[in-house]
Amino acid sequence: MLDFEPRYSTPQIEAIEKFIDKNYALPGPISCRMLQRGLNDVYLVVGSNGERYVFRLSHRRARGPAGVKAETDFLTHLSQSGVPVAAPIPTRDGTLFTGGYAPEGWREGVLFQALDGREPQATGARDAWANGKTLALMHNAAETFSSHGAVYRLDLEHLLHRPLARIFDSGIVEHAESRRDLESIAARTGKAIEAFPNLSWTYCHGDCHGFNSRINDAGEAVFFDFDDGGPGYLAYDLSVSLWAKVSFGRKLTAMWDAFIEGYRAVRPISPDDFEAAHRFVIVRHFWLMGEYASRAQEWGSNTVGWVATEANFLKTWETEQFVDRLL
């Protein structure tokens, strides 16, 4: 019996290689190296024939278990519909995901074909346009996908109210005034979004900030990292791009314009959805703050302490965008 029970363990690389060899019919011997540790553990996998794959070992998270079945079903649907995505690789028994026990409990795993192409450029209007186009293609394909069984529903409870509770539960925001500011902003934002009469609902990527893609030789944005996705507000899926252009001191609204132009080249955006996307910037920021706050006991308060100061950004965005509605 351990004296110190782990919240989050990191498997030895040999254990990952053995696990993949057991569950996937890849040409061996395979080699692995970790690419990223944190929100998930991500590994580059190379077969003996040089083929490259990416293995994602899901992290246990406060918002619930990884929704790998709905995610891999949706990715398969998108791939079959001609949407450029990183499709999952079937296991030896034909399923699209697997899992195994770590010291902290069960963790889900998915193997994907590694994507060729380059990373998008933060100030590349063409890359932003390509991301908008692929998101629109994805939303078109989502109209023929059944989201029955999805773990996450990207509504205000999931995106705003529960993240706010996690922020407060973490103890990171100590000042009473900051807590009151966050409560007030969240309440106003939720009320404003609920006042829209006809917001569209779709299956969302959930994290389309511009860098969960690779730009291939044809100039297409090929999407990956769908584990934040699920049925939800289309306006939220749009807003993540805008949020990425204006949060943390960034001033890249021209890239948002290019993103929207690319999206509209494929499908229209209703006036309500477009206007609501600006409100959802605040929701997106709350969601991210909640994700980090929920990991305070794992990553440490110094790493997630930035959450305590974010009321300033939220107040500024709200004032600049909606000042006429606040008076």
C-alpha atoms as a PDB file:
ATOM      1  CA  MET A   1       0.000   0.000   0.000  1.00  0.00           C
ATOM      2  CA  LEU A   2       1.302   3.443  -0.932  1.00  0.00           C
ATOM      3  CA  ASP A   3       1.727   6.202   1.627  1.00  0.00           C
ATOM      4  CA  PHE A   4       1.039   8.775  -1.073  1.00  0.00           C
ATOM      5  CA  GLU A   5      -1.825   7.996  -3.431  1.00  0.00           C
ATOM      6  CA  PRO A   6      -1.274   9.674  -6.832  1.00  0.00           C
ATOM      7  CA  ARG A   7      -3.630  12.162  -8.424  1.00  0.00           C
ATOM      8  CA  TYR A   8      -1.921  11.767 -11.782  1.00  0.00           C
ATOM      9  CA  SER A   9       0.813   9.341 -12.764  1.00  0.00           C
ATOM     10  CA  THR A  10       3.111   9.378 -15.785  1.00  0.00           C
ATOM     11  CA  PRO A  11       3.619   5.918 -17.323  1.00  0.00           C
ATOM     12  CA  GLN A  12       7.076   4.772 -18.282  1.00  0.00           C
ATOM     13  CA  ILE A  13       7.608   4.995 -22.021  1.00  0.00           C
ATOM     14  CA  GLU A  14       8.230   1.240 -22.203  1.00  0.00           C
ATOM     15  CA  ALA A  15       4.783   0.647 -20.688  1.00  0.00           C
ATOM     16  CA  ILE A  16       3.193   2.851 -23.366  1.00  0.00           C
ATOM     17  CA  GLU A  17       5.004   0.955 -26.129  1.00  0.00           C
ATOM     18  CA  LYS A  18       3.929  -2.384 -24.674  1.00  0.00           C
ATOM     19  CA  PHE A  19       0.326  -1.188 -24.331  1.00  0.00           C
ATOM     20  CA  ILE A  20       0.154   0.046 -27.939  1.00  0.00           C
ATOM     21  CA  ASP A  21       1.741  -3.166 -29.264  1.00  0.00           C
ATOM     22  CA  LYS A  22      -0.828  -5.209 -27.328  1.00  0.00           C
ATOM     23  CA  ASN A  23      -3.831  -3.223 -28.549  1.00  0.00           C
ATOM     24  CA  TYR A  24      -2.894  -2.120 -32.094  1.00  0.00           C
ATOM     25  CA  ALA A  25      -1.649  -4.057 -35.127  1.00  0.00           C
ATOM     26  CA  LEU A  26       1.198  -1.711 -35.998  1.00  0.00           C
ATOM     27  CA  PRO A  27       4.377  -2.875 -37.735  1.00  0.00           C
ATOM     28  CA  GLY A  28       6.835  -3.404 -34.936  1.00  0.00           C
ATOM     29  CA  PRO A  29       8.922  -2.866 -33.107  1.00  0.00           C
ATOM     30  CA  ILE A  30       7.429   0.556 -32.399  1.00  0.00           C
ATOM     31  CA  SER A  31       9.090   3.468 -30.662  1.00  0.00           C
ATOM     32  CA  CYS A  32       7.422   6.213 -28.613  1.00  0.00           C
ATOM     33  CA  ARG A  33       8.324   9.558 -27.161  1.00  0.00           C
ATOM     34  CA  MET A  34       6.192  11.898 -25.104  1.00  0.00           C
ATOM     35  CA  LEU A  35       5.148  15.099 -26.842  1.00  0.00           C
ATOM     36  CA  GLN A  36       3.056  16.674 -24.110  1.00  0.00           C
ATOM     37  CA  ARG A  37       2.045  16.090 -20.500  1.00  0.00           C
ATOM     38  CA  GLY A  38      -0.804  17.913 -18.825  1.00  0.00           C
ATOM     39  CA  LEU A  39      -4.385  18.155 -19.991  1.00  0.00           C
ATOM     40  CA  ASN A  40      -3.713  14.788 -21.649  1.00  0.00           C
ATOM     41  CA  ASP A  41      -0.548  12.750 -22.187  1.00  0.00           C
ATOM     42  CA  VAL A  42       0.331  12.729 -25.878  1.00  0.00           C
ATOM     43  CA  TYR A  43       2.943  10.491 -27.508  1.00  0.00           C
ATOM     44  CA  LEU A  44       4.488  10.256 -30.953  1.00  0.00           C
ATOM     45  CA  VAL A  45       4.499   6.632 -32.107  1.00  0.00           C
ATOM     46  CA  VAL A  46       6.671   5.423 -34.995  1.00  0.00           C
ATOM     47  CA  GLY A  47       6.299   1.988 -36.554  1.00  0.00           C
ATOM     48  CA  SER A  48       9.152  -0.022 -37.990  1.00  0.00           C
ATOM     49  CA  ASN A  49       8.078   1.066 -41.479  1.00  0.00           C
ATOM     50  CA  GLY A  50       8.400   4.746 -40.551  1.00  0.00           C
ATOM     51  CA  GLU A  51       4.644   5.363 -40.288  1.00  0.00           C
ATOM     52  CA  ARG A  52       3.868   7.962 -37.621  1.00  0.00           C
ATOM     53  CA  TYR A  53       0.954   7.994 -35.215  1.00  0.00           C
ATOM     54  CA  VAL A  54      -0.148   9.956 -32.181  1.00  0.00           C
ATOM     55  CA  PHE A  55      -1.359   8.211 -29.036  1.00  0.00           C
ATOM     56  CA  ARG A  56      -3.411  10.217 -26.552  1.00  0.00           C
ATOM     57  CA  LEU A  57      -3.809   8.943 -23.012  1.00  0.00           C
ATOM     58  CA  SER A  58      -6.676  10.872 -21.460  1.00  0.00           C
ATOM     59  CA  HIS A  59      -6.282  12.596 -18.154  1.00  0.00           C
ATOM     60  CA  ARG A  60      -8.879  12.223 -15.420  1.00  0.00           C
ATOM     61  CA  ARG A  61     -10.626  15.561 -15.216  1.00  0.00           C
ATOM     62  CA  ALA A  62     -13.091  17.319 -12.922  1.00  0.00           C
ATOM     63  CA  ARG A  63     -15.631  17.690 -15.731  1.00  0.00           C
ATOM     64  CA  GLY A  64     -16.026  13.940 -16.058  1.00  0.00           C
ATOM     65  CA  PRO A  65     -14.589  10.963 -17.952  1.00  0.00           C
ATOM     66  CA  ALA A  66     -13.215  11.353 -21.443  1.00  0.00           C
ATOM     67  CA  GLY A  67     -16.003  10.964 -23.991  1.00  0.00           C
ATOM     68  CA  VAL A  68     -13.933   8.841 -26.342  1.00  0.00           C
ATOM     69  CA  LYS A  69     -16.791   6.856 -27.859  1.00  0.00           C
ATOM     70  CA  ALA A  70     -18.729   9.903 -29.073  1.00  0.00           C
ATOM     71  CA  GLU A  71     -15.477  11.616 -30.067  1.00  0.00           C
ATOM     72  CA  THR A  72     -14.186   8.737 -32.196  1.00  0.00           C
ATOM     73  CA  ASP A  73     -17.625   8.107 -33.691  1.00  0.00           C
ATOM     74  CA  PHE A  74     -17.821  11.765 -34.699  1.00  0.00           C
ATOM     75  CA  LEU A  75     -14.298  11.749 -36.140  1.00  0.00           C
ATOM     76  CA  THR A  76     -15.110   8.690 -38.207  1.00  0.00           C
ATOM     77  CA  HIS A  77     -18.280  10.353 -39.477  1.00  0.00           C
ATOM     78  CA  LEU A  78     -16.331  13.481 -40.396  1.00  0.00           C
ATOM     79  CA  SER A  79     -13.625  11.519 -42.191  1.00  0.00           C
ATOM     80  CA  GLN A  80     -16.211   9.564 -44.169  1.00  0.00           C
ATOM     81  CA  SER A  81     -17.928  12.875 -45.022  1.00  0.00           C
ATOM     82  CA  GLY A  82     -14.736  14.298 -46.513  1.00  0.00           C
ATOM     83  CA  VAL A  83     -13.915  16.708 -43.680  1.00  0.00           C
ATOM     84  CA  PRO A  84     -10.138  16.903 -43.139  1.00  0.00           C
ATOM     85  CA  VAL A  85      -9.513  15.471 -39.654  1.00  0.00           C
ATOM     86  CA  ALA A  86      -7.104  13.143 -37.868  1.00  0.00           C
ATOM     87  CA  ALA A  87      -9.165   9.953 -37.834  1.00  0.00           C
ATOM     88  CA  PRO A  88      -8.723   7.315 -35.110  1.00  0.00           C
ATOM     89  CA  ILE A  89      -6.946   4.026 -35.814  1.00  0.00           C
ATOM     90  CA  PRO A  90      -8.937   0.878 -34.936  1.00  0.00           C
ATOM     91  CA  THR A  91      -7.620  -1.446 -32.273  1.00  0.00           C
ATOM     92  CA  ARG A  92      -6.923  -5.130 -32.897  1.00  0.00           C
ATOM     93  CA  ASP A  93     -10.531  -5.930 -31.983  1.00  0.00           C
ATOM     94  CA  GLY A  94     -11.940  -3.195 -34.236  1.00  0.00           C
ATOM     95  CA  THR A  95     -12.913  -0.620 -31.622  1.00  0.00           C
ATOM     96  CA  LEU A  96     -11.804   3.003 -32.012  1.00  0.00           C
ATOM     97  CA  PHE A  97     -10.554   3.498 -28.474  1.00  0.00           C
ATOM     98  CA  THR A  98      -9.127   1.527 -25.603  1.00  0.00           C
ATOM     99  CA  GLY A  99      -7.981   2.103 -22.047  1.00  0.00           C
ATOM    100  CA  GLY A 100      -6.011   0.787 -19.136  1.00  0.00           C
ATOM    101  CA  TYR A 101      -5.473   1.113 -15.430  1.00  0.00           C
ATOM    102  CA  ALA A 102      -3.000   3.580 -13.955  1.00  0.00           C
ATOM    103  CA  PRO A 103      -2.382   3.967 -10.203  1.00  0.00           C
ATOM    104  CA  GLU A 104      -5.055   6.677 -10.084  1.00  0.00           C
ATOM    105  CA  GLY A 105      -7.624   4.605 -11.981  1.00  0.00           C
ATOM    106  CA  TRP A 106      -8.864   3.958 -15.521  1.00  0.00           C
ATOM    107  CA  ARG A 107      -7.513   6.118 -18.349  1.00  0.00           C
ATOM    108  CA  GLU A 108      -8.829   6.086 -21.926  1.00  0.00           C
ATOM    109  CA  GLY A 109      -6.507   5.884 -24.921  1.00  0.00           C
ATOM    110  CA  VAL A 110      -6.932   6.667 -28.615  1.00  0.00           C
ATOM    111  CA  LEU A 111      -4.432   6.232 -31.452  1.00  0.00           C
ATOM    112  CA  PHE A 112      -4.561   8.650 -34.386  1.00  0.00           C
ATOM    113  CA  GLN A 113      -2.743   8.868 -37.683  1.00  0.00           C
ATOM    114  CA  ALA A 114      -0.147  11.623 -37.339  1.00  0.00           C
ATOM    115  CA  LEU A 115      -0.866  14.620 -39.523  1.00  0.00           C
ATOM    116  CA  ASP A 116       1.503  15.950 -42.139  1.00  0.00           C
ATOM    117  CA  GLY A 117       1.699  19.673 -42.729  1.00  0.00           C
ATOM    118  CA  ARG A 118       2.796  22.687 -40.767  1.00  0.00           C
ATOM    119  CA  GLU A 119       1.486  24.522 -37.741  1.00  0.00           C
ATOM    120  CA  PRO A 120      -0.816  27.462 -38.512  1.00  0.00           C
ATOM    121  CA  GLN A 121       0.692  30.917 -38.209  1.00  0.00           C
ATOM    122  CA  ALA A 122      -0.821  33.142 -35.532  1.00  0.00           C
ATOM    123  CA  THR A 123      -0.865  36.129 -37.894  1.00  0.00           C
ATOM    124  CA  GLY A 124      -1.557  34.176 -41.091  1.00  0.00           C
ATOM    125  CA  ALA A 125      -4.891  35.315 -42.504  1.00  0.00           C
ATOM    126  CA  ARG A 126      -4.924  32.453 -45.003  1.00  0.00           C
ATOM    127  CA  ASP A 127      -4.482  29.928 -42.182  1.00  0.00           C
ATOM    128  CA  ALA A 128      -7.289  31.555 -40.198  1.00  0.00           C
ATOM    129  CA  TRP A 129      -9.494  31.417 -43.306  1.00  0.00           C
ATOM    130  CA  ALA A 130      -8.689  27.713 -43.710  1.00  0.00           C
ATOM    131  CA  ASN A 131      -9.620  27.021 -40.084  1.00  0.00           C
ATOM    132  CA  GLY A 132     -12.936  28.791 -40.569  1.00  0.00           C
ATOM    133  CA  LYS A 133     -13.657  26.767 -43.693  1.00  0.00           C
ATOM    134  CA  THR A 134     -12.947  23.427 -42.012  1.00  0.00           C
ATOM    135  CA  LEU A 135     -15.121  24.324 -39.030  1.00  0.00           C
ATOM    136  CA  ALA A 136     -17.968  25.121 -41.417  1.00  0.00           C
ATOM    137  CA  LEU A 137     -17.473  21.815 -43.240  1.00  0.00           C
ATOM    138  CA  MET A 138     -17.532  20.110 -39.850  1.00  0.00           C
ATOM    139  CA  HIS A 139     -20.797  21.812 -38.883  1.00  0.00           C
ATOM    140  CA  ASN A 140     -22.325  20.814 -42.212  1.00  0.00           C
ATOM    141  CA  ALA A 141     -21.363  17.184 -41.628  1.00  0.00           C
ATOM    142  CA  ALA A 142     -22.635  17.360 -38.042  1.00  0.00           C
ATOM    143  CA  GLU A 143     -26.169  17.781 -39.365  1.00  0.00           C
ATOM    144  CA  THR A 144     -26.212  14.083 -40.282  1.00  0.00           C
ATOM    145  CA  PHE A 145     -24.535  12.833 -37.099  1.00  0.00           C
ATOM    146  CA  SER A 146     -26.420  11.482 -34.094  1.00  0.00           C
ATOM    147  CA  SER A 147     -24.817  12.711 -30.874  1.00  0.00           C
ATOM    148  CA  HIS A 148     -26.662  10.194 -28.731  1.00  0.00           C
ATOM    149  CA  GLY A 149     -24.376   9.033 -25.934  1.00  0.00           C
ATOM    150  CA  ALA A 150     -22.117  12.109 -25.874  1.00  0.00           C
ATOM    151  CA  VAL A 151     -20.580  12.639 -22.429  1.00  0.00           C
ATOM    152  CA  TYR A 152     -20.371  16.410 -22.682  1.00  0.00           C
ATOM    153  CA  ARG A 153     -23.184  18.783 -23.532  1.00  0.00           C
ATOM    154  CA  LEU A 154     -21.708  22.215 -24.239  1.00  0.00           C
ATOM    155  CA  ASP A 155     -24.434  24.242 -22.563  1.00  0.00           C
ATOM    156  CA  LEU A 156     -24.125  27.041 -20.003  1.00  0.00           C
ATOM    157  CA  GLU A 157     -24.030  24.600 -17.116  1.00  0.00           C
ATOM    158  CA  HIS A 158     -20.977  22.849 -18.587  1.00  0.00           C
ATOM    159  CA  LEU A 159     -19.239  25.921 -20.000  1.00  0.00           C
ATOM    160  CA  LEU A 160     -20.003  28.616 -17.415  1.00  0.00           C
ATOM    161  CA  HIS A 161     -21.692  27.623 -14.161  1.00  0.00           C
ATOM    162  CA  ARG A 162     -19.667  24.546 -13.207  1.00  0.00           C
ATOM    163  CA  PRO A 163     -16.352  26.196 -14.177  1.00  0.00           C
ATOM    164  CA  LEU A 164     -17.215  29.174 -11.961  1.00  0.00           C
ATOM    165  CA  ALA A 165     -17.884  26.789  -9.066  1.00  0.00           C
ATOM    166  CA  ARG A 166     -14.504  25.099  -9.654  1.00  0.00           C
ATOM    167  CA  ILE A 167     -12.764  28.465  -9.600  1.00  0.00           C
ATOM    168  CA  PHE A 168     -14.272  29.301  -6.222  1.00  0.00           C
ATOM    169  CA  ASP A 169     -13.745  25.794  -4.816  1.00  0.00           C
ATOM    170  CA  SER A 170     -10.043  25.951  -5.685  1.00  0.00           C
ATOM    171  CA  GLY A 171      -9.440  28.896  -3.351  1.00  0.00           C
ATOM    172  CA  ILE A 172      -7.317  30.647  -5.982  1.00  0.00           C
ATOM    173  CA  VAL A 173      -9.480  33.785  -6.044  1.00  0.00           C
ATOM    174  CA  GLU A 174      -9.072  35.085  -2.509  1.00  0.00           C
ATOM    175  CA  HIS A 175     -10.300  38.670  -2.761  1.00  0.00           C
ATOM    176  CA  ALA A 176     -14.000  39.153  -2.123  1.00  0.00           C
ATOM    177  CA  GLU A 177     -14.263  41.914  -4.723  1.00  0.00           C
ATOM    178  CA  SER A 178     -12.809  39.691  -7.436  1.00  0.00           C
ATOM    179  CA  ARG A 179     -15.208  36.901  -6.505  1.00  0.00           C
ATOM    180  CA  ARG A 180     -18.129  39.311  -6.691  1.00  0.00           C
ATOM    181  CA  ASP A 181     -16.935  40.572 -10.074  1.00  0.00           C
ATOM    182  CA  LEU A 182     -16.732  37.040 -11.460  1.00  0.00           C
ATOM    183  CA  GLU A 183     -20.176  36.148 -10.130  1.00  0.00           C
ATOM    184  CA  SER A 184     -21.711  39.292 -11.605  1.00  0.00           C
ATOM    185  CA  ILE A 185     -20.079  38.893 -15.005  1.00  0.00           C
ATOM    186  CA  ALA A 186     -21.094  35.245 -15.202  1.00  0.00           C
ATOM    187  CA  ALA A 187     -24.689  36.058 -14.250  1.00  0.00           C
ATOM    188  CA  ARG A 188     -24.987  38.877 -16.794  1.00  0.00           C
ATOM    189  CA  THR A 189     -23.406  36.803 -19.535  1.00  0.00           C
ATOM    190  CA  GLY A 190     -25.613  33.800 -18.916  1.00  0.00           C
ATOM    191  CA  LYS A 191     -28.719  35.973 -18.885  1.00  0.00           C
ATOM    192  CA  ALA A 192     -27.702  37.718 -22.122  1.00  0.00           C
ATOM    193  CA  ILE A 193     -27.090  34.416 -23.916  1.00  0.00           C
ATOM    194  CA  GLU A 194     -30.369  32.932 -22.721  1.00  0.00           C
ATOM    195  CA  ALA A 195     -32.154  36.011 -24.113  1.00  0.00           C
ATOM    196  CA  PHE A 196     -31.220  35.063 -27.687  1.00  0.00           C
ATOM    197  CA  PRO A 197     -34.319  33.378 -29.110  1.00  0.00           C
ATOM    198  CA  ASN A 198     -32.830  31.239 -31.874  1.00  0.00           C
ATOM    199  CA  LEU A 199     -29.248  30.162 -31.218  1.00  0.00           C
ATOM    200  CA  SER A 200     -28.130  27.242 -33.377  1.00  0.00           C
ATOM    201  CA  TRP A 201     -27.199  23.889 -31.900  1.00  0.00           C
ATOM    202  CA  THR A 202     -24.618  21.574 -33.467  1.00  0.00           C
ATOM    203  CA  TYR A 203     -21.894  19.094 -32.622  1.00  0.00           C
ATOM    204  CA  CYS A 204     -18.970  21.279 -31.549  1.00  0.00           C
ATOM    205  CA  HIS A 205     -15.238  20.831 -31.845  1.00  0.00           C
ATOM    206  CA  GLY A 206     -15.036  22.734 -28.579  1.00  0.00           C
ATOM    207  CA  ASP A 207     -11.442  23.919 -28.901  1.00  0.00           C
ATOM    208  CA  CYS A 208     -11.074  25.502 -32.346  1.00  0.00           C
ATOM    209  CA  HIS A 209      -8.611  28.198 -31.310  1.00  0.00           C
ATOM    210  CA  GLY A 210      -6.578  27.924 -34.499  1.00  0.00           C
ATOM    211  CA  PHE A 211      -3.761  25.621 -33.426  1.00  0.00           C
ATOM    212  CA  ASN A 212      -5.585  22.306 -33.136  1.00  0.00           C
ATOM    213  CA  SER A 213      -4.967  21.874 -36.830  1.00  0.00           C
ATOM    214  CA  ARG A 214      -2.224  21.404 -39.382  1.00  0.00           C
ATOM    215  CA  ILE A 215      -2.100  23.167 -42.731  1.00  0.00           C
ATOM    216  CA  ASN A 216      -1.549  20.600 -45.466  1.00  0.00           C
ATOM    217  CA  ASP A 217      -0.009  21.110 -48.893  1.00  0.00           C
ATOM    218  CA  ALA A 218      -3.425  21.989 -50.335  1.00  0.00           C
ATOM    219  CA  GLY A 219      -3.810  24.806 -47.820  1.00  0.00           C
ATOM    220  CA  GLU A 220      -6.527  22.981 -45.885  1.00  0.00           C
ATOM    221  CA  ALA A 221      -6.740  23.087 -42.091  1.00  0.00           C
ATOM    222  CA  VAL A 222      -6.835  19.471 -40.898  1.00  0.00           C
ATOM    223  CA  PHE A 223      -8.405  19.306 -37.425  1.00  0.00           C
ATOM    224  CA  PHE A 224      -7.431  17.233 -34.402  1.00  0.00           C
ATOM    225  CA  ASP A 225      -7.969  17.333 -30.622  1.00  0.00           C
ATOM    226  CA  PHE A 226     -11.730  16.825 -30.377  1.00  0.00           C
ATOM    227  CA  ASP A 227     -11.827  15.706 -26.750  1.00  0.00           C
ATOM    228  CA  ASP A 228     -13.492  18.944 -25.588  1.00  0.00           C
ATOM    229  CA  GLY A 229     -16.283  18.499 -28.126  1.00  0.00           C
ATOM    230  CA  GLY A 230     -19.918  17.545 -27.911  1.00  0.00           C
ATOM    231  CA  PRO A 231     -23.377  18.802 -28.786  1.00  0.00           C
ATOM    232  CA  GLY A 232     -23.600  22.495 -27.996  1.00  0.00           C
ATOM    233  CA  TYR A 233     -23.990  26.078 -29.118  1.00  0.00           C
ATOM    234  CA  LEU A 234     -22.660  26.795 -32.599  1.00  0.00           C
ATOM    235  CA  ALA A 235     -21.916  30.341 -31.394  1.00  0.00           C
ATOM    236  CA  TYR A 236     -19.592  28.911 -28.762  1.00  0.00           C
ATOM    237  CA  ASP A 237     -17.670  26.917 -31.367  1.00  0.00           C
ATOM    238  CA  LEU A 238     -17.188  30.136 -33.340  1.00  0.00           C
ATOM    239  CA  SER A 239     -16.272  32.144 -30.254  1.00  0.00           C
ATOM    240  CA  VAL A 240     -13.231  30.052 -29.386  1.00  0.00           C
ATOM    241  CA  SER A 241     -11.477  31.503 -32.422  1.00  0.00           C
ATOM    242  CA  LEU A 242     -12.374  35.065 -31.456  1.00  0.00           C
ATOM    243  CA  TRP A 243     -11.354  34.423 -27.853  1.00  0.00           C
ATOM    244  CA  ALA A 244      -7.952  33.191 -29.043  1.00  0.00           C
ATOM    245  CA  LYS A 245      -7.417  36.457 -30.917  1.00  0.00           C
ATOM    246  CA  VAL A 246      -8.270  38.802 -28.017  1.00  0.00           C
ATOM    247  CA  SER A 247      -7.362  37.017 -24.754  1.00  0.00           C
ATOM    248  CA  PHE A 248      -4.097  37.267 -22.830  1.00  0.00           C
ATOM    249  CA  GLY A 249      -3.200  40.605 -24.400  1.00  0.00           C
ATOM    250  CA  ARG A 250      -3.538  39.528 -28.013  1.00  0.00           C
ATOM    251  CA  LYS A 251      -4.936  41.971 -30.583  1.00  0.00           C
ATOM    252  CA  LEU A 252      -5.491  39.850 -33.671  1.00  0.00           C
ATOM    253  CA  THR A 253      -9.063  40.642 -34.656  1.00  0.00           C
ATOM    254  CA  ALA A 254      -8.071  40.725 -38.328  1.00  0.00           C
ATOM    255  CA  MET A 255      -7.511  36.965 -38.013  1.00  0.00           C
ATOM    256  CA  TRP A 256     -11.044  36.603 -36.635  1.00  0.00           C
ATOM    257  CA  ASP A 257     -12.329  38.439 -39.704  1.00  0.00           C
ATOM    258  CA  ALA A 258     -10.434  36.013 -41.954  1.00  0.00           C
ATOM    259  CA  PHE A 259     -11.737  33.035 -39.965  1.00  0.00           C
ATOM    260  CA  ILE A 260     -15.338  34.208 -40.365  1.00  0.00           C
ATOM    261  CA  GLU A 261     -14.795  34.852 -44.086  1.00  0.00           C
ATOM    262  CA  GLY A 262     -13.584  31.265 -44.499  1.00  0.00           C
ATOM    263  CA  TYR A 263     -16.538  29.918 -42.551  1.00  0.00           C
ATOM    264  CA  ARG A 264     -19.036  31.940 -44.574  1.00  0.00           C
ATOM    265  CA  ALA A 265     -17.487  30.664 -47.799  1.00  0.00           C
ATOM    266  CA  VAL A 266     -19.086  27.328 -46.885  1.00  0.00           C
ATOM    267  CA  ARG A 267     -22.157  28.126 -44.799  1.00  0.00           C
ATOM    268  CA  PRO A 268     -23.950  31.229 -43.496  1.00  0.00           C
ATOM    269  CA  ILE A 269     -23.984  32.446 -39.901  1.00  0.00           C
ATOM    270  CA  SER A 270     -27.227  33.770 -38.473  1.00  0.00           C
ATOM    271  CA  PRO A 271     -27.142  37.275 -36.958  1.00  0.00           C
ATOM    272  CA  ASP A 272     -27.973  35.858 -33.517  1.00  0.00           C
ATOM    273  CA  ASP A 273     -25.177  33.280 -33.665  1.00  0.00           C
ATOM    274  CA  PHE A 274     -22.651  35.902 -34.786  1.00  0.00           C
ATOM    275  CA  GLU A 275     -23.631  38.360 -32.066  1.00  0.00           C
ATOM    276  CA  ALA A 276     -23.751  35.649 -29.412  1.00  0.00           C
ATOM    277  CA  ALA A 277     -20.224  34.540 -30.321  1.00  0.00           C
ATOM    278  CA  HIS A 278     -18.980  37.804 -28.808  1.00  0.00           C
ATOM    279  CA  ARG A 279     -20.786  36.981 -25.567  1.00  0.00           C
ATOM    280  CA  PHE A 280     -19.376  33.476 -25.593  1.00  0.00           C
ATOM    281  CA  VAL A 281     -15.831  34.880 -25.458  1.00  0.00           C
ATOM    282  CA  ILE A 282     -16.508  35.442 -21.758  1.00  0.00           C
ATOM    283  CA  VAL A 283     -17.941  31.936 -21.406  1.00  0.00           C
ATOM    284  CA  ARG A 284     -14.867  30.441 -23.055  1.00  0.00           C
ATOM    285  CA  HIS A 285     -12.584  32.276 -20.654  1.00  0.00           C
ATOM    286  CA  PHE A 286     -14.556  31.034 -17.666  1.00  0.00           C
ATOM    287  CA  TRP A 287     -14.353  27.505 -19.030  1.00  0.00           C
ATOM    288  CA  LEU A 288     -10.567  27.674 -19.339  1.00  0.00           C
ATOM    289  CA  MET A 289     -10.206  29.244 -15.899  1.00  0.00           C
ATOM    290  CA  GLY A 290     -12.273  26.421 -14.451  1.00  0.00           C
ATOM    291  CA  GLU A 291     -10.169  23.787 -16.198  1.00  0.00           C
ATOM    292  CA  TYR A 292      -6.980  25.200 -14.706  1.00  0.00           C
ATOM    293  CA  ALA A 293      -8.493  25.845 -11.290  1.00  0.00           C
ATOM    294  CA  SER A 294      -9.638  22.232 -11.070  1.00  0.00           C
ATOM    295  CA  ARG A 295      -5.988  21.175 -11.383  1.00  0.00           C
ATOM    296  CA  ALA A 296      -4.628  23.430  -8.627  1.00  0.00           C
ATOM    297  CA  GLN A 297      -3.810  20.451  -6.386  1.00  0.00           C
ATOM    298  CA  GLU A 298      -2.023  18.755  -9.257  1.00  0.00           C
ATOM    299  CA  TRP A 299      -0.114  21.524 -11.008  1.00  0.00           C
ATOM    300  CA  GLY A 300       0.257  23.865  -8.039  1.00  0.00           C
ATOM    301  CA  SER A 301      -1.204  27.274  -7.247  1.00  0.00           C
ATOM    302  CA  ASN A 302       1.758  29.083  -8.830  1.00  0.00           C
ATOM    303  CA  THR A 303       0.956  27.508 -12.197  1.00  0.00           C
ATOM    304  CA  VAL A 304      -2.770  28.283 -12.095  1.00  0.00           C
ATOM    305  CA  GLY A 305      -2.575  31.513 -10.115  1.00  0.00           C
ATOM    306  CA  TRP A 306      -3.225  33.620 -13.216  1.00  0.00           C
ATOM    307  CA  VAL A 307      -6.893  32.700 -12.820  1.00  0.00           C
ATOM    308  CA  ALA A 308      -7.176  35.117  -9.882  1.00  0.00           C
ATOM    309  CA  THR A 309      -6.474  38.163 -12.063  1.00  0.00           C
ATOM    310  CA  GLU A 310      -8.717  37.423 -15.046  1.00  0.00           C
ATOM    311  CA  ALA A 311     -11.716  39.439 -13.873  1.00  0.00           C
ATOM    312  CA  ASN A 312      -9.946  42.456 -15.391  1.00  0.00           C
ATOM    313  CA  PHE A 313      -9.964  40.965 -18.892  1.00  0.00           C
ATOM    314  CA  LEU A 314     -13.583  39.883 -18.552  1.00  0.00           C
ATOM    315  CA  LYS A 315     -14.723  43.303 -17.326  1.00  0.00           C
ATOM    316  CA  THR A 316     -12.831  45.065 -20.104  1.00  0.00           C
ATOM    317  CA  TRP A 317     -14.285  42.828 -22.821  1.00  0.00           C
ATOM    318  CA  GLU A 318     -17.784  43.196 -21.430  1.00  0.00           C
ATOM    319  CA  THR A 319     -17.490  46.985 -21.218  1.00  0.00           C
ATOM    320  CA  GLU A 320     -15.954  47.457 -24.654  1.00  0.00           C
ATOM    321  CA  GLN A 321     -18.350  45.112 -26.457  1.00  0.00           C
ATOM    322  CA  PHE A 322     -21.622  45.634 -24.619  1.00  0.00           C
ATOM    323  CA  VAL A 323     -21.405  49.024 -22.909  1.00  0.00           C
ATOM    324  CA  ASP A 324     -24.754  50.129 -24.345  1.00  0.00           C
ATOM    325  CA  ARG A 325     -26.427  47.095 -22.777  1.00  0.00           C
ATOM    326  CA  LEU A 326     -24.863  47.665 -19.348  1.00  0.00           C
ATOM    327  CA  LEU A 327     -26.298  51.126 -18.853  1.00  0.00           C
END
